[in-house]
Amino acid sequence: MTASAVARRMALCCRQLAAGGLIAGRDGNLSVRIGKDRLGADRVLVTPSGLIKALVTAADMVEVDLTGRPRRRGRRKPTSELDLHLRILRHRPDVQAVVHAHPPTATGFAVAGEEIPANLLPELIFVVGRVPIVPYGTPGTPELGDRIVPYLEGHDALLLANHGAVTMGRTLDQAWIRMESLEHAARIIVAARSIGQPQPLGARSVERLEALRAQARREKDA
């Protein structure tokens, strides 16, 4: 996929996240690797700072390297959460795209200091995996990046205490799907609790789903 095509897909993702209520106003940000330059350095497209995401266009995306240095002159500045994205991309070479949003129900779990149960929904286990809560770090500062690094290994989604959520993927679509699936699962669990006591899957069923998830990852690595 060309850089232009990736930028268009990023703009579409922003619009859809806004339409689905997973972000509001200027909230949320995305990053996607778009290949390497002639010297072998990664090129990354990120969403711009300060724009209403429902109105962002492909032309608004900003290209940087993994140090955060702009690669081209443009009229936009990169997202204020640039450090968060670059920390993930530097520590997880397998991750090609990152989505940061504020999905209301999933973020509600993070505000309450409660992890989303990992033994209730097969789709959550298989598509997203376990989702730990990262201790609070001030948004837009290196403190938040420092907080997330210990949680990156083995997780493709994180709740950020009192802040929001981050999902990762081998493609933008995969990271995007994981964000929507995370919020959808959170809503189902809250609905189940309003009806009665959620019934967890058996340990063997959870183990099988986790094994299938691990197998799918290995097959994509092959």
C-alpha atoms as a PDB file:
ATOM      1  CA  MET A   1       0.000   0.000   0.000  1.00  0.00           C
ATOM      2  CA  THR A   2       1.403   3.421  -0.954  1.00  0.00           C
ATOM      3  CA  ALA A   3       1.845   6.231   1.548  1.00  0.00           C
ATOM      4  CA  SER A   4      -1.041   8.078  -0.089  1.00  0.00           C
ATOM      5  CA  ALA A   5      -3.305   5.046   0.273  1.00  0.00           C
ATOM      6  CA  VAL A   6      -2.292   4.636   3.921  1.00  0.00           C
ATOM      7  CA  ALA A   7      -3.059   8.309   4.576  1.00  0.00           C
ATOM      8  CA  ARG A   8      -6.517   7.917   3.049  1.00  0.00           C
ATOM      9  CA  ARG A   9      -7.162   4.832   5.168  1.00  0.00           C
ATOM     10  CA  MET A  10      -6.054   6.718   8.290  1.00  0.00           C
ATOM     11  CA  ALA A  11      -8.472   9.532   7.527  1.00  0.00           C
ATOM     12  CA  LEU A  12     -11.276   7.001   7.059  1.00  0.00           C
ATOM     13  CA  CYS A  13     -10.384   5.319  10.356  1.00  0.00           C
ATOM     14  CA  CYS A  14     -10.535   8.675  12.156  1.00  0.00           C
ATOM     15  CA  ARG A  15     -13.959   9.396  10.713  1.00  0.00           C
ATOM     16  CA  GLN A  16     -15.273   5.957  11.635  1.00  0.00           C
ATOM     17  CA  LEU A  17     -13.916   6.113  15.183  1.00  0.00           C
ATOM     18  CA  ALA A  18     -15.633   9.473  15.595  1.00  0.00           C
ATOM     19  CA  ALA A  19     -18.883   8.208  14.081  1.00  0.00           C
ATOM     20  CA  GLY A  20     -18.815   5.228  16.444  1.00  0.00           C
ATOM     21  CA  GLY A  21     -18.293   7.444  19.478  1.00  0.00           C
ATOM     22  CA  LEU A  22     -14.850   6.023  20.261  1.00  0.00           C
ATOM     23  CA  ILE A  23     -13.327   9.492  20.001  1.00  0.00           C
ATOM     24  CA  ALA A  24     -14.740  13.010  20.242  1.00  0.00           C
ATOM     25  CA  GLY A  25     -13.517  16.300  18.839  1.00  0.00           C
ATOM     26  CA  ARG A  26      -9.728  16.367  18.699  1.00  0.00           C
ATOM     27  CA  ASP A  27      -9.354  13.136  20.705  1.00  0.00           C
ATOM     28  CA  GLY A  28      -7.492  10.121  19.416  1.00  0.00           C
ATOM     29  CA  ASN A  29      -4.504   9.572  17.164  1.00  0.00           C
ATOM     30  CA  LEU A  30      -3.071   6.994  14.764  1.00  0.00           C
ATOM     31  CA  SER A  31       0.331   5.967  13.465  1.00  0.00           C
ATOM     32  CA  VAL A  32       1.335   3.639  10.629  1.00  0.00           C
ATOM     33  CA  ARG A  33       4.748   2.570   9.335  1.00  0.00           C
ATOM     34  CA  ILE A  34       5.024   3.248   5.616  1.00  0.00           C
ATOM     35  CA  GLY A  35       8.358   1.633   4.825  1.00  0.00           C
ATOM     36  CA  LYS A  36      11.997   2.679   5.016  1.00  0.00           C
ATOM     37  CA  ASP A  37      14.015   5.414   3.405  1.00  0.00           C
ATOM     38  CA  ARG A  38      17.181   4.891   1.363  1.00  0.00           C
ATOM     39  CA  LEU A  39      19.237   4.675   4.564  1.00  0.00           C
ATOM     40  CA  GLY A  40      16.972   2.023   6.076  1.00  0.00           C
ATOM     41  CA  ALA A  41      15.233   4.308   8.580  1.00  0.00           C
ATOM     42  CA  ASP A  42      11.535   3.717   9.267  1.00  0.00           C
ATOM     43  CA  ARG A  43       9.057   6.222   7.919  1.00  0.00           C
ATOM     44  CA  VAL A  44       5.863   6.732   9.914  1.00  0.00           C
ATOM     45  CA  LEU A  45       2.651   8.578   9.152  1.00  0.00           C
ATOM     46  CA  VAL A  46       0.849  10.070  12.154  1.00  0.00           C
ATOM     47  CA  THR A  47      -2.303  12.065  12.605  1.00  0.00           C
ATOM     48  CA  PRO A  48      -1.952  15.833  13.084  1.00  0.00           C
ATOM     49  CA  SER A  49      -2.286  17.773  16.310  1.00  0.00           C
ATOM     50  CA  GLY A  50      -5.281  19.920  17.119  1.00  0.00           C
ATOM     51  CA  LEU A  51      -7.705  18.912  14.375  1.00  0.00           C
ATOM     52  CA  ILE A  52     -11.212  17.525  14.760  1.00  0.00           C
ATOM     53  CA  LYS A  53     -10.694  13.917  13.741  1.00  0.00           C
ATOM     54  CA  ALA A  54     -14.010  13.632  11.927  1.00  0.00           C
ATOM     55  CA  LEU A  55     -12.714  16.311   9.533  1.00  0.00           C
ATOM     56  CA  VAL A  56      -9.144  15.084   9.065  1.00  0.00           C
ATOM     57  CA  THR A  57      -8.063  14.411   5.469  1.00  0.00           C
ATOM     58  CA  ALA A  58      -5.255  12.356   3.981  1.00  0.00           C
ATOM     59  CA  ALA A  59      -3.348  15.573   3.233  1.00  0.00           C
ATOM     60  CA  ASP A  60      -3.266  16.405   6.944  1.00  0.00           C
ATOM     61  CA  MET A  61      -1.135  13.375   7.898  1.00  0.00           C
ATOM     62  CA  VAL A  62       2.412  14.069   9.049  1.00  0.00           C
ATOM     63  CA  GLU A  63       5.462  11.978   8.156  1.00  0.00           C
ATOM     64  CA  VAL A  64       8.153  11.479  10.820  1.00  0.00           C
ATOM     65  CA  ASP A  65      10.968   9.064  11.573  1.00  0.00           C
ATOM     66  CA  LEU A  66      11.207   6.905  14.699  1.00  0.00           C
ATOM     67  CA  THR A  67      12.919   9.727  16.593  1.00  0.00           C
ATOM     68  CA  GLY A  68       9.941  11.991  15.896  1.00  0.00           C
ATOM     69  CA  ARG A  69      11.800  14.202  13.442  1.00  0.00           C
ATOM     70  CA  PRO A  70       9.558  15.473  10.634  1.00  0.00           C
ATOM     71  CA  ARG A  71      10.620  14.066   7.280  1.00  0.00           C
ATOM     72  CA  ARG A  72       8.827  16.579   5.126  1.00  0.00           C
ATOM     73  CA  ARG A  73       7.784  20.163   5.506  1.00  0.00           C
ATOM     74  CA  GLY A  74       4.073  20.423   5.995  1.00  0.00           C
ATOM     75  CA  ARG A  75       1.399  22.663   7.356  1.00  0.00           C
ATOM     76  CA  ARG A  76       0.582  20.377  10.280  1.00  0.00           C
ATOM     77  CA  LYS A  77       2.312  19.358  13.488  1.00  0.00           C
ATOM     78  CA  PRO A  78       2.289  15.701  14.577  1.00  0.00           C
ATOM     79  CA  THR A  79      -0.036  14.507  17.311  1.00  0.00           C
ATOM     80  CA  SER A  80       0.819  15.555  20.862  1.00  0.00           C
ATOM     81  CA  GLU A  81       0.866  11.819  21.688  1.00  0.00           C
ATOM     82  CA  LEU A  82       3.714  11.198  19.250  1.00  0.00           C
ATOM     83  CA  ASP A  83       6.002   9.810  21.962  1.00  0.00           C
ATOM     84  CA  LEU A  84       3.388   7.203  22.905  1.00  0.00           C
ATOM     85  CA  HIS A  85       3.252   5.925  19.327  1.00  0.00           C
ATOM     86  CA  LEU A  86       6.984   5.963  18.750  1.00  0.00           C
ATOM     87  CA  ARG A  87       7.674   4.090  21.994  1.00  0.00           C
ATOM     88  CA  ILE A  88       5.402   1.301  20.811  1.00  0.00           C
ATOM     89  CA  LEU A  89       6.832   1.199  17.290  1.00  0.00           C
ATOM     90  CA  ARG A  90      10.421   1.169  18.545  1.00  0.00           C
ATOM     91  CA  HIS A  91       9.807  -1.578  21.116  1.00  0.00           C
ATOM     92  CA  ARG A  92       7.578  -3.726  18.900  1.00  0.00           C
ATOM     93  CA  PRO A  93       9.095  -4.187  15.424  1.00  0.00           C
ATOM     94  CA  ASP A  94       6.183  -6.505  14.601  1.00  0.00           C
ATOM     95  CA  VAL A  95       3.683  -3.678  15.102  1.00  0.00           C
ATOM     96  CA  GLN A  96       2.978  -1.670  11.974  1.00  0.00           C
ATOM     97  CA  ALA A  97       0.093   0.458  13.234  1.00  0.00           C
ATOM     98  CA  VAL A  98      -1.152   1.954  16.497  1.00  0.00           C
ATOM     99  CA  VAL A  99      -4.609   3.317  17.335  1.00  0.00           C
ATOM    100  CA  HIS A 100      -5.166   5.433  20.432  1.00  0.00           C
ATOM    101  CA  ALA A 101      -8.759   6.319  21.290  1.00  0.00           C
ATOM    102  CA  HIS A 102     -11.066   7.038  24.210  1.00  0.00           C
ATOM    103  CA  PRO A 103     -13.758   4.347  23.847  1.00  0.00           C
ATOM    104  CA  PRO A 104     -16.279   5.261  26.569  1.00  0.00           C
ATOM    105  CA  THR A 105     -17.074   1.882  28.101  1.00  0.00           C
ATOM    106  CA  ALA A 106     -13.581   0.435  27.880  1.00  0.00           C
ATOM    107  CA  THR A 107     -12.206   3.685  29.286  1.00  0.00           C
ATOM    108  CA  GLY A 108     -14.788   3.408  32.055  1.00  0.00           C
ATOM    109  CA  PHE A 109     -13.065   0.204  33.135  1.00  0.00           C
ATOM    110  CA  ALA A 110      -9.728   2.048  33.106  1.00  0.00           C
ATOM    111  CA  VAL A 111     -11.140   4.931  35.170  1.00  0.00           C
ATOM    112  CA  ALA A 112     -12.549   2.426  37.667  1.00  0.00           C
ATOM    113  CA  GLY A 113      -9.179   0.695  37.843  1.00  0.00           C
ATOM    114  CA  GLU A 114     -10.701  -2.571  36.672  1.00  0.00           C
ATOM    115  CA  GLU A 115      -9.345  -4.785  33.908  1.00  0.00           C
ATOM    116  CA  ILE A 116     -11.784  -6.049  31.300  1.00  0.00           C
ATOM    117  CA  PRO A 117     -12.287  -9.735  32.164  1.00  0.00           C
ATOM    118  CA  ALA A 118     -10.358 -12.011  29.831  1.00  0.00           C
ATOM    119  CA  ASN A 119     -12.525 -15.088  30.318  1.00  0.00           C
ATOM    120  CA  LEU A 120     -15.973 -14.036  29.159  1.00  0.00           C
ATOM    121  CA  LEU A 121     -15.986 -13.506  25.380  1.00  0.00           C
ATOM    122  CA  PRO A 122     -14.267 -15.725  22.790  1.00  0.00           C
ATOM    123  CA  GLU A 123     -13.935 -12.831  20.335  1.00  0.00           C
ATOM    124  CA  LEU A 124     -12.110 -10.682  22.872  1.00  0.00           C
ATOM    125  CA  ILE A 125      -9.698 -13.489  23.722  1.00  0.00           C
ATOM    126  CA  PHE A 126      -8.975 -14.405  20.096  1.00  0.00           C
ATOM    127  CA  VAL A 127      -9.005 -10.986  18.418  1.00  0.00           C
ATOM    128  CA  VAL A 128      -7.644  -8.720  21.145  1.00  0.00           C
ATOM    129  CA  GLY A 129      -6.062 -10.875  23.830  1.00  0.00           C
ATOM    130  CA  ARG A 130      -5.530  -9.914  27.449  1.00  0.00           C
ATOM    131  CA  VAL A 131      -5.776  -6.197  28.157  1.00  0.00           C
ATOM    132  CA  PRO A 132      -3.822  -4.927  31.181  1.00  0.00           C
ATOM    133  CA  ILE A 133      -4.247  -1.478  32.729  1.00  0.00           C
ATOM    134  CA  VAL A 134      -1.208   0.772  32.437  1.00  0.00           C
ATOM    135  CA  PRO A 135      -0.721   3.071  35.462  1.00  0.00           C
ATOM    136  CA  TYR A 136      -1.572   6.713  34.847  1.00  0.00           C
ATOM    137  CA  GLY A 137       0.914   8.908  33.022  1.00  0.00           C
ATOM    138  CA  THR A 138       0.290  12.475  31.939  1.00  0.00           C
ATOM    139  CA  PRO A 139      -0.988  12.472  28.332  1.00  0.00           C
ATOM    140  CA  GLY A 140       1.340  13.980  25.781  1.00  0.00           C
ATOM    141  CA  THR A 141       4.443  13.582  27.952  1.00  0.00           C
ATOM    142  CA  PRO A 142       7.283  11.027  28.112  1.00  0.00           C
ATOM    143  CA  GLU A 143       5.852   9.875  31.445  1.00  0.00           C
ATOM    144  CA  LEU A 144       3.068   8.060  29.616  1.00  0.00           C
ATOM    145  CA  GLY A 145       5.574   6.404  27.295  1.00  0.00           C
ATOM    146  CA  ASP A 146       7.607   5.282  30.302  1.00  0.00           C
ATOM    147  CA  ARG A 147       4.496   3.713  31.806  1.00  0.00           C
ATOM    148  CA  ILE A 148       3.511   1.672  28.765  1.00  0.00           C
ATOM    149  CA  VAL A 149       6.864   0.121  27.861  1.00  0.00           C
ATOM    150  CA  PRO A 150       6.758  -2.648  30.522  1.00  0.00           C
ATOM    151  CA  TYR A 151       3.338  -3.739  29.208  1.00  0.00           C
ATOM    152  CA  LEU A 152       4.135  -3.966  25.503  1.00  0.00           C
ATOM    153  CA  GLU A 153       5.552  -7.470  25.368  1.00  0.00           C
ATOM    154  CA  GLY A 154       2.818  -9.995  24.630  1.00  0.00           C
ATOM    155  CA  HIS A 155      -0.088  -7.528  24.526  1.00  0.00           C
ATOM    156  CA  ASP A 156      -1.838  -5.992  21.533  1.00  0.00           C
ATOM    157  CA  ALA A 157      -4.186  -3.774  23.535  1.00  0.00           C
ATOM    158  CA  LEU A 158      -3.756  -1.688  26.653  1.00  0.00           C
ATOM    159  CA  LEU A 159      -6.076   0.299  28.861  1.00  0.00           C
ATOM    160  CA  LEU A 160      -4.547   3.580  30.017  1.00  0.00           C
ATOM    161  CA  ALA A 161      -5.630   4.439  33.553  1.00  0.00           C
ATOM    162  CA  ASN A 162      -7.962   7.475  33.592  1.00  0.00           C
ATOM    163  CA  HIS A 163      -7.231   8.131  29.942  1.00  0.00           C
ATOM    164  CA  GLY A 164      -8.245   5.701  27.185  1.00  0.00           C
ATOM    165  CA  ALA A 165      -6.985   2.714  25.249  1.00  0.00           C
ATOM    166  CA  VAL A 166      -4.293   1.737  22.755  1.00  0.00           C
ATOM    167  CA  THR A 167      -4.425  -1.101  20.238  1.00  0.00           C
ATOM    168  CA  MET A 168      -1.696  -2.385  17.937  1.00  0.00           C
ATOM    169  CA  GLY A 169      -1.603  -4.457  14.778  1.00  0.00           C
ATOM    170  CA  ARG A 170       0.335  -5.659  11.771  1.00  0.00           C
ATOM    171  CA  THR A 171      -1.907  -3.400   9.718  1.00  0.00           C
ATOM    172  CA  LEU A 172      -3.989  -0.337  10.464  1.00  0.00           C
ATOM    173  CA  ASP A 173      -7.134  -2.379   9.894  1.00  0.00           C
ATOM    174  CA  GLN A 174      -6.053  -4.937  12.493  1.00  0.00           C
ATOM    175  CA  ALA A 175      -5.337  -2.265  15.111  1.00  0.00           C
ATOM    176  CA  TRP A 176      -8.623  -0.559  14.210  1.00  0.00           C
ATOM    177  CA  ILE A 177     -10.588  -3.806  14.523  1.00  0.00           C
ATOM    178  CA  ARG A 178      -9.033  -4.458  17.909  1.00  0.00           C
ATOM    179  CA  MET A 179     -10.109  -1.029  19.176  1.00  0.00           C
ATOM    180  CA  GLU A 180     -13.700  -1.546  18.036  1.00  0.00           C
ATOM    181  CA  SER A 181     -13.731  -5.120  19.388  1.00  0.00           C
ATOM    182  CA  LEU A 182     -12.371  -3.941  22.746  1.00  0.00           C
ATOM    183  CA  GLU A 183     -15.121  -1.379  23.146  1.00  0.00           C
ATOM    184  CA  HIS A 184     -17.810  -3.780  21.914  1.00  0.00           C
ATOM    185  CA  ALA A 185     -16.712  -6.393  24.447  1.00  0.00           C
ATOM    186  CA  ALA A 186     -16.692  -3.819  27.245  1.00  0.00           C
ATOM    187  CA  ARG A 187     -20.276  -2.825  26.395  1.00  0.00           C
ATOM    188  CA  ILE A 188     -21.421  -6.451  26.366  1.00  0.00           C
ATOM    189  CA  ILE A 189     -19.832  -7.122  29.758  1.00  0.00           C
ATOM    190  CA  VAL A 190     -21.462  -4.045  31.296  1.00  0.00           C
ATOM    191  CA  ALA A 191     -24.803  -5.131  29.792  1.00  0.00           C
ATOM    192  CA  ALA A 192     -24.354  -8.643  31.203  1.00  0.00           C
ATOM    193  CA  ARG A 193     -23.653  -7.241  34.657  1.00  0.00           C
ATOM    194  CA  SER A 194     -26.827  -5.161  34.498  1.00  0.00           C
ATOM    195  CA  ILE A 195     -28.812  -8.338  33.810  1.00  0.00           C
ATOM    196  CA  GLY A 196     -27.126 -10.707  36.222  1.00  0.00           C
ATOM    197  CA  GLN A 197     -23.847 -12.434  36.980  1.00  0.00           C
ATOM    198  CA  PRO A 198     -21.645 -12.951  33.887  1.00  0.00           C
ATOM    199  CA  GLN A 199     -20.738 -16.601  33.410  1.00  0.00           C
ATOM    200  CA  PRO A 200     -17.041 -17.082  32.617  1.00  0.00           C
ATOM    201  CA  LEU A 201     -15.722 -19.570  30.113  1.00  0.00           C
ATOM    202  CA  GLY A 202     -14.019 -22.618  31.552  1.00  0.00           C
ATOM    203  CA  ALA A 203     -10.239 -22.576  31.943  1.00  0.00           C
ATOM    204  CA  ARG A 204      -9.840 -25.189  29.199  1.00  0.00           C
ATOM    205  CA  SER A 205     -11.889 -23.125  26.750  1.00  0.00           C
ATOM    206  CA  VAL A 206      -9.816 -20.022  27.493  1.00  0.00           C
ATOM    207  CA  GLU A 207      -6.586 -21.963  27.036  1.00  0.00           C
ATOM    208  CA  ARG A 208      -7.777 -23.309  23.684  1.00  0.00           C
ATOM    209  CA  LEU A 209      -8.685 -19.842  22.443  1.00  0.00           C
ATOM    210  CA  GLU A 210      -5.332 -18.466  23.570  1.00  0.00           C
ATOM    211  CA  ALA A 211      -3.583 -21.346  21.794  1.00  0.00           C
ATOM    212  CA  LEU A 212      -5.510 -20.595  18.590  1.00  0.00           C
ATOM    213  CA  ARG A 213      -4.542 -16.932  18.877  1.00  0.00           C
ATOM    214  CA  ALA A 214      -0.880 -17.853  19.343  1.00  0.00           C
ATOM    215  CA  GLN A 215      -1.046 -20.224  16.363  1.00  0.00           C
ATOM    216  CA  ALA A 216      -2.532 -17.521  14.161  1.00  0.00           C
ATOM    217  CA  ARG A 217       0.297 -15.173  15.129  1.00  0.00           C
ATOM    218  CA  ARG A 218       2.929 -17.790  14.321  1.00  0.00           C
ATOM    219  CA  GLU A 219       1.384 -18.502  10.929  1.00  0.00           C
ATOM    220  CA  LYS A 220       1.502 -14.803  10.061  1.00  0.00           C
ATOM    221  CA  ASP A 221       5.141 -14.676  11.127  1.00  0.00           C
ATOM    222  CA  ALA A 222       6.036 -17.631   8.895  1.00  0.00           C
END
